[in-house]
Amino acid sequence: MTLSNSIRSKLTLGMLVAAALALAACTDHAGKEPSREQVNAAVDKTEAAAIAAAKKAAELAETARDKTVAFAKSPQVKQDAENAKQALERALDKNKRENQPPPNEPPAKP
């Protein structure tokens, strides 16, 4: 029975050591938890960063809109649009001429 007493005492000693280490770990960890003030400060910083990002996004969107409007109203864009319109009209006129029956032939019967 001395062998089982030896094992029992070693297990007891091991459990005591494990409990002491666990207690020390809990105590160390508890001191590292952030305080309410630290959490509130982090939340405030996050809110401020979100507001700043939203303002910057709004400024960039406004700038992009202004540049788009200026580009759309530019003389070059107006000229390009007029050229495209004339090219389309010419293509439609050509298509109409090519698809008309010759004047001497009666229209095809269905």
N, C-alpha and C. Protein backbone atom coordinates (compact mmCIF):
# COMPACT_ATOMS: atom_id res chain seq x y z
N MET A 1 0.80 -1.18 0.00
CA MET A 1 0.00 0.00 0.00
C MET A 1 0.85 1.25 0.00
N THR A 2 2.10 1.12 0.19
CA THR A 2 2.95 2.29 0.13
C THR A 2 3.03 2.85 -1.27
N LEU A 3 2.90 2.00 -2.23
CA LEU A 3 2.93 2.48 -3.62
C LEU A 3 1.71 3.33 -3.90
N SER A 4 0.55 2.91 -3.45
CA SER A 4 -0.64 3.71 -3.72
C SER A 4 -0.62 4.99 -2.90
N ASN A 5 -0.05 4.96 -1.70
CA ASN A 5 0.09 6.20 -0.91
C ASN A 5 1.03 7.16 -1.61
N SER A 6 2.08 6.64 -2.22
CA SER A 6 3.04 7.48 -2.94
C SER A 6 2.37 8.12 -4.16
N ILE A 7 1.59 7.32 -4.87
CA ILE A 7 0.89 7.86 -6.06
C ILE A 7 -0.15 8.89 -5.61
N ARG A 8 -0.86 8.58 -4.52
CA ARG A 8 -1.88 9.49 -4.02
C ARG A 8 -1.26 10.81 -3.59
N SER A 9 -0.12 10.77 -2.93
CA SER A 9 0.53 12.00 -2.50
C SER A 9 1.06 12.80 -3.68
N LYS A 10 1.53 12.10 -4.71
CA LYS A 10 2.00 12.80 -5.91
C LYS A 10 0.83 13.45 -6.65
N LEU A 11 -0.28 12.76 -6.72
CA LEU A 11 -1.46 13.34 -7.37
C LEU A 11 -1.95 14.55 -6.60
N THR A 12 -1.96 14.44 -5.27
CA THR A 12 -2.39 15.56 -4.44
C THR A 12 -1.48 16.75 -4.65
N LEU A 13 -0.17 16.47 -4.62
CA LEU A 13 0.80 17.54 -4.84
C LEU A 13 0.61 18.17 -6.23
N GLY A 14 0.40 17.34 -7.24
CA GLY A 14 0.18 17.83 -8.60
C GLY A 14 -1.07 18.70 -8.69
N MET A 15 -2.14 18.27 -8.01
CA MET A 15 -3.38 19.04 -8.03
C MET A 15 -3.20 20.38 -7.32
N LEU A 16 -2.42 20.37 -6.24
CA LEU A 16 -2.17 21.63 -5.54
C LEU A 16 -1.36 22.59 -6.41
N VAL A 17 -0.37 22.06 -7.09
CA VAL A 17 0.45 22.90 -7.99
C VAL A 17 -0.42 23.45 -9.12
N ALA A 18 -1.27 22.59 -9.70
CA ALA A 18 -2.15 23.04 -10.80
C ALA A 18 -3.11 24.11 -10.32
N ALA A 19 -3.66 23.94 -9.13
CA ALA A 19 -4.58 24.93 -8.58
C ALA A 19 -3.86 26.25 -8.33
N ALA A 20 -2.62 26.17 -7.82
CA ALA A 20 -1.87 27.40 -7.56
C ALA A 20 -1.56 28.12 -8.87
N LEU A 21 -1.19 27.37 -9.89
CA LEU A 21 -0.90 27.99 -11.20
C LEU A 21 -2.16 28.60 -11.80
N ALA A 22 -3.28 27.91 -11.67
CA ALA A 22 -4.54 28.45 -12.20
C ALA A 22 -4.93 29.73 -11.47
N LEU A 23 -4.76 29.72 -10.16
CA LEU A 23 -5.08 30.91 -9.39
C LEU A 23 -4.18 32.08 -9.76
N ALA A 24 -2.91 31.80 -9.97
CA ALA A 24 -1.98 32.85 -10.38
C ALA A 24 -2.34 33.38 -11.76
N ALA A 25 -2.74 32.50 -12.66
CA ALA A 25 -3.10 32.92 -14.01
C ALA A 25 -4.36 33.79 -13.97
N CYS A 26 -5.31 33.42 -13.16
CA CYS A 26 -6.54 34.22 -13.05
C CYS A 26 -6.24 35.60 -12.46
N THR A 27 -5.38 35.65 -11.49
CA THR A 27 -5.04 36.92 -10.87
C THR A 27 -4.32 37.82 -11.85
N ASP A 28 -3.39 37.26 -12.64
CA ASP A 28 -2.67 38.06 -13.63
C ASP A 28 -3.62 38.56 -14.71
N HIS A 29 -4.53 37.72 -15.12
CA HIS A 29 -5.45 38.10 -16.19
C HIS A 29 -6.42 39.17 -15.73
N ALA A 30 -6.85 39.10 -14.50
CA ALA A 30 -7.82 40.07 -14.00
C ALA A 30 -7.25 41.48 -14.01
N GLY A 31 -5.97 41.63 -13.79
CA GLY A 31 -5.36 42.95 -13.80
C GLY A 31 -5.22 43.52 -15.19
N LYS A 32 -5.32 42.67 -16.21
CA LYS A 32 -5.14 43.13 -17.58
C LYS A 32 -6.46 43.47 -18.28
N GLU A 33 -7.56 43.25 -17.62
CA GLU A 33 -8.84 43.59 -18.22
C GLU A 33 -8.98 45.11 -18.34
N PRO A 34 -9.53 45.56 -19.46
CA PRO A 34 -9.68 47.01 -19.63
C PRO A 34 -10.75 47.56 -18.68
N SER A 35 -10.53 48.76 -18.27
CA SER A 35 -11.51 49.41 -17.40
C SER A 35 -12.65 49.97 -18.24
N ARG A 36 -13.72 50.35 -17.60
CA ARG A 36 -14.86 50.93 -18.31
C ARG A 36 -14.44 52.21 -19.03
N GLU A 37 -13.56 52.99 -18.41
CA GLU A 37 -13.09 54.23 -19.04
C GLU A 37 -12.31 53.91 -20.32
N GLN A 38 -11.50 52.84 -20.27
CA GLN A 38 -10.73 52.48 -21.47
C GLN A 38 -11.67 52.02 -22.59
N VAL A 39 -12.67 51.26 -22.23
CA VAL A 39 -13.63 50.80 -23.23
C VAL A 39 -14.40 51.98 -23.81
N ASN A 40 -14.85 52.90 -22.95
CA ASN A 40 -15.56 54.08 -23.43
C ASN A 40 -14.68 54.94 -24.33
N ALA A 41 -13.41 55.07 -23.98
CA ALA A 41 -12.49 55.85 -24.82
C ALA A 41 -12.32 55.19 -26.19
N ALA A 42 -12.23 53.86 -26.19
CA ALA A 42 -12.10 53.15 -27.47
C ALA A 42 -13.36 53.31 -28.32
N VAL A 43 -14.51 53.27 -27.68
CA VAL A 43 -15.77 53.47 -28.40
C VAL A 43 -15.84 54.88 -28.97
N ASP A 44 -15.44 55.87 -28.18
CA ASP A 44 -15.45 57.26 -28.65
C ASP A 44 -14.53 57.44 -29.85
N LYS A 45 -13.34 56.83 -29.78
CA LYS A 45 -12.39 56.94 -30.90
C LYS A 45 -12.96 56.28 -32.15
N THR A 46 -13.62 55.14 -31.97
CA THR A 46 -14.21 54.44 -33.12
C THR A 46 -15.33 55.27 -33.74
N GLU A 47 -16.16 55.87 -32.89
CA GLU A 47 -17.23 56.73 -33.41
C GLU A 47 -16.66 57.93 -34.15
N ALA A 48 -15.62 58.54 -33.60
CA ALA A 48 -15.00 59.70 -34.25
C ALA A 48 -14.41 59.30 -35.60
N ALA A 49 -13.77 58.13 -35.65
CA ALA A 49 -13.20 57.66 -36.91
C ALA A 49 -14.29 57.38 -37.94
N ALA A 50 -15.40 56.81 -37.50
CA ALA A 50 -16.51 56.53 -38.42
C ALA A 50 -17.11 57.83 -38.95
N ILE A 51 -17.26 58.81 -38.11
CA ILE A 51 -17.80 60.11 -38.54
C ILE A 51 -16.85 60.78 -39.53
N ALA A 52 -15.56 60.73 -39.23
CA ALA A 52 -14.58 61.33 -40.15
C ALA A 52 -14.59 60.62 -41.50
N ALA A 53 -14.70 59.30 -41.48
CA ALA A 53 -14.74 58.54 -42.73
C ALA A 53 -15.99 58.87 -43.53
N ALA A 54 -17.12 59.02 -42.85
CA ALA A 54 -18.37 59.36 -43.55
C ALA A 54 -18.29 60.75 -44.17
N LYS A 55 -17.70 61.71 -43.44
CA LYS A 55 -17.54 63.05 -43.99
C LYS A 55 -16.65 63.04 -45.22
N LYS A 56 -15.55 62.29 -45.14
CA LYS A 56 -14.63 62.21 -46.27
C LYS A 56 -15.30 61.56 -47.47
N ALA A 57 -16.08 60.51 -47.23
CA ALA A 57 -16.81 59.85 -48.32
C ALA A 57 -17.80 60.80 -48.96
N ALA A 58 -18.48 61.60 -48.15
CA ALA A 58 -19.44 62.58 -48.70
C ALA A 58 -18.71 63.63 -49.54
N GLU A 59 -17.57 64.08 -49.07
CA GLU A 59 -16.79 65.06 -49.83
C GLU A 59 -16.34 64.48 -51.17
N LEU A 60 -15.85 63.24 -51.14
CA LEU A 60 -15.40 62.61 -52.38
C LEU A 60 -16.56 62.38 -53.35
N ALA A 61 -17.72 62.02 -52.82
CA ALA A 61 -18.89 61.82 -53.68
C ALA A 61 -19.32 63.13 -54.32
N GLU A 62 -19.28 64.21 -53.55
CA GLU A 62 -19.65 65.52 -54.08
C GLU A 62 -18.66 65.96 -55.17
N THR A 63 -17.38 65.75 -54.92
CA THR A 63 -16.36 66.09 -55.91
C THR A 63 -16.56 65.28 -57.18
N ALA A 64 -16.82 63.99 -57.03
CA ALA A 64 -17.04 63.13 -58.20
C ALA A 64 -18.26 63.58 -58.98
N ARG A 65 -19.34 63.93 -58.27
CA ARG A 65 -20.55 64.41 -58.95
C ARG A 65 -20.27 65.70 -59.72
N ASP A 66 -19.56 66.63 -59.08
CA ASP A 66 -19.24 67.90 -59.75
C ASP A 66 -18.39 67.68 -60.99
N LYS A 67 -17.43 66.78 -60.89
CA LYS A 67 -16.58 66.50 -62.05
C LYS A 67 -17.37 65.83 -63.17
N THR A 68 -18.30 64.95 -62.79
CA THR A 68 -19.12 64.28 -63.79
C THR A 68 -20.02 65.27 -64.51
N VAL A 69 -20.64 66.17 -63.75
CA VAL A 69 -21.51 67.19 -64.35
C VAL A 69 -20.69 68.10 -65.27
N ALA A 70 -19.52 68.51 -64.81
CA ALA A 70 -18.68 69.38 -65.63
C ALA A 70 -18.26 68.68 -66.92
N PHE A 71 -17.95 67.39 -66.81
CA PHE A 71 -17.54 66.64 -67.99
C PHE A 71 -18.71 66.51 -68.97
N ALA A 72 -19.89 66.19 -68.43
CA ALA A 72 -21.06 66.00 -69.30
C ALA A 72 -21.44 67.29 -70.02
N LYS A 73 -21.17 68.44 -69.42
CA LYS A 73 -21.51 69.73 -70.02
C LYS A 73 -20.38 70.30 -70.87
N SER A 74 -19.27 69.60 -70.96
CA SER A 74 -18.13 70.14 -71.70
C SER A 74 -18.42 70.16 -73.20
N PRO A 75 -17.80 71.09 -73.92
CA PRO A 75 -18.02 71.19 -75.36
C PRO A 75 -17.60 69.92 -76.10
N GLN A 76 -16.56 69.26 -75.64
CA GLN A 76 -16.09 68.04 -76.31
C GLN A 76 -17.14 66.94 -76.24
N VAL A 77 -17.77 66.79 -75.09
CA VAL A 77 -18.80 65.76 -74.94
C VAL A 77 -20.02 66.11 -75.80
N LYS A 78 -20.39 67.39 -75.83
CA LYS A 78 -21.52 67.79 -76.67
C LYS A 78 -21.23 67.52 -78.14
N GLN A 79 -20.00 67.79 -78.57
CA GLN A 79 -19.63 67.55 -79.97
C GLN A 79 -19.62 66.05 -80.26
N ASP A 80 -19.10 65.25 -79.35
CA ASP A 80 -19.10 63.80 -79.54
C ASP A 80 -20.53 63.27 -79.63
N ALA A 81 -21.43 63.78 -78.81
CA ALA A 81 -22.83 63.35 -78.85
C ALA A 81 -23.48 63.74 -80.18
N GLU A 82 -23.19 64.92 -80.66
CA GLU A 82 -23.73 65.37 -81.95
C GLU A 82 -23.19 64.50 -83.09
N ASN A 83 -21.89 64.19 -83.04
CA ASN A 83 -21.30 63.32 -84.08
C ASN A 83 -21.94 61.93 -84.06
N ALA A 84 -22.17 61.40 -82.88
CA ALA A 84 -22.80 60.07 -82.77
C ALA A 84 -24.22 60.11 -83.30
N LYS A 85 -24.95 61.17 -83.01
CA LYS A 85 -26.32 61.32 -83.49
C LYS A 85 -26.36 61.36 -85.02
N GLN A 86 -25.45 62.14 -85.62
CA GLN A 86 -25.41 62.24 -87.08
C GLN A 86 -25.01 60.92 -87.72
N ALA A 87 -24.07 60.21 -87.10
CA ALA A 87 -23.66 58.90 -87.64
C ALA A 87 -24.82 57.91 -87.59
N LEU A 88 -25.59 57.94 -86.53
CA LEU A 88 -26.74 57.06 -86.41
C LEU A 88 -27.81 57.41 -87.45
N GLU A 89 -28.05 58.69 -87.64
CA GLU A 89 -29.03 59.11 -88.66
C GLU A 89 -28.60 58.67 -90.05
N ARG A 90 -27.30 58.82 -90.35
CA ARG A 90 -26.80 58.38 -91.66
C ARG A 90 -26.95 56.87 -91.83
N ALA A 91 -26.67 56.12 -90.77
CA ALA A 91 -26.80 54.66 -90.86
C ALA A 91 -28.25 54.25 -91.05
N LEU A 92 -29.18 54.92 -90.38
CA LEU A 92 -30.59 54.60 -90.56
C LEU A 92 -31.08 54.96 -91.96
N ASP A 93 -30.65 56.11 -92.47
CA ASP A 93 -31.04 56.51 -93.83
C ASP A 93 -30.51 55.51 -94.85
N LYS A 94 -29.27 55.08 -94.70
CA LYS A 94 -28.66 54.12 -95.62
C LYS A 94 -29.41 52.79 -95.55
N ASN A 95 -29.78 52.39 -94.37
CA ASN A 95 -30.51 51.13 -94.20
C ASN A 95 -31.87 51.20 -94.87
N LYS A 96 -32.55 52.34 -94.74
CA LYS A 96 -33.86 52.51 -95.38
C LYS A 96 -33.73 52.44 -96.91
N ARG A 97 -32.70 53.09 -97.45
CA ARG A 97 -32.51 53.09 -98.91
C ARG A 97 -32.20 51.69 -99.42
N GLU A 98 -31.38 50.95 -98.71
CA GLU A 98 -30.98 49.63 -99.18
C GLU A 98 -32.10 48.61 -99.06
N ASN A 99 -33.04 48.79 -98.20
CA ASN A 99 -34.10 47.81 -97.98
C ASN A 99 -35.40 48.16 -98.68
N GLN A 100 -35.43 49.21 -99.51
CA GLN A 100 -36.64 49.56 -100.25
C GLN A 100 -36.67 48.74 -101.55
N PRO A 101 -37.87 48.32 -101.92
CA PRO A 101 -37.95 47.60 -103.21
C PRO A 101 -37.68 48.56 -104.37
N PRO A 102 -37.17 48.06 -105.45
CA PRO A 102 -36.96 48.93 -106.61
C PRO A 102 -38.28 49.53 -107.08
N PRO A 103 -38.24 50.74 -107.67
CA PRO A 103 -39.50 51.42 -108.04
C PRO A 103 -40.30 50.68 -109.09
N ASN A 104 -39.73 49.84 -109.94
CA ASN A 104 -40.46 49.16 -111.01
C ASN A 104 -41.13 47.88 -110.51
N GLU A 105 -40.71 47.34 -109.41
CA GLU A 105 -41.28 46.08 -108.92
C GLU A 105 -42.41 46.37 -107.93
N PRO A 106 -43.49 45.61 -108.07
CA PRO A 106 -44.55 45.76 -107.06
C PRO A 106 -44.08 45.14 -105.75
N PRO A 107 -44.65 45.55 -104.66
CA PRO A 107 -44.26 44.97 -103.37
C PRO A 107 -44.52 43.47 -103.35
N ALA A 108 -43.72 42.75 -102.64
CA ALA A 108 -43.85 41.30 -102.54
C ALA A 108 -45.15 40.95 -101.81
N LYS A 109 -45.83 39.88 -102.32
CA LYS A 109 -47.07 39.43 -101.68
C LYS A 109 -46.71 38.42 -100.58
N PRO A 110 -47.44 38.49 -99.49
CA PRO A 110 -47.15 37.55 -98.40
C PRO A 110 -47.58 36.16 -98.64
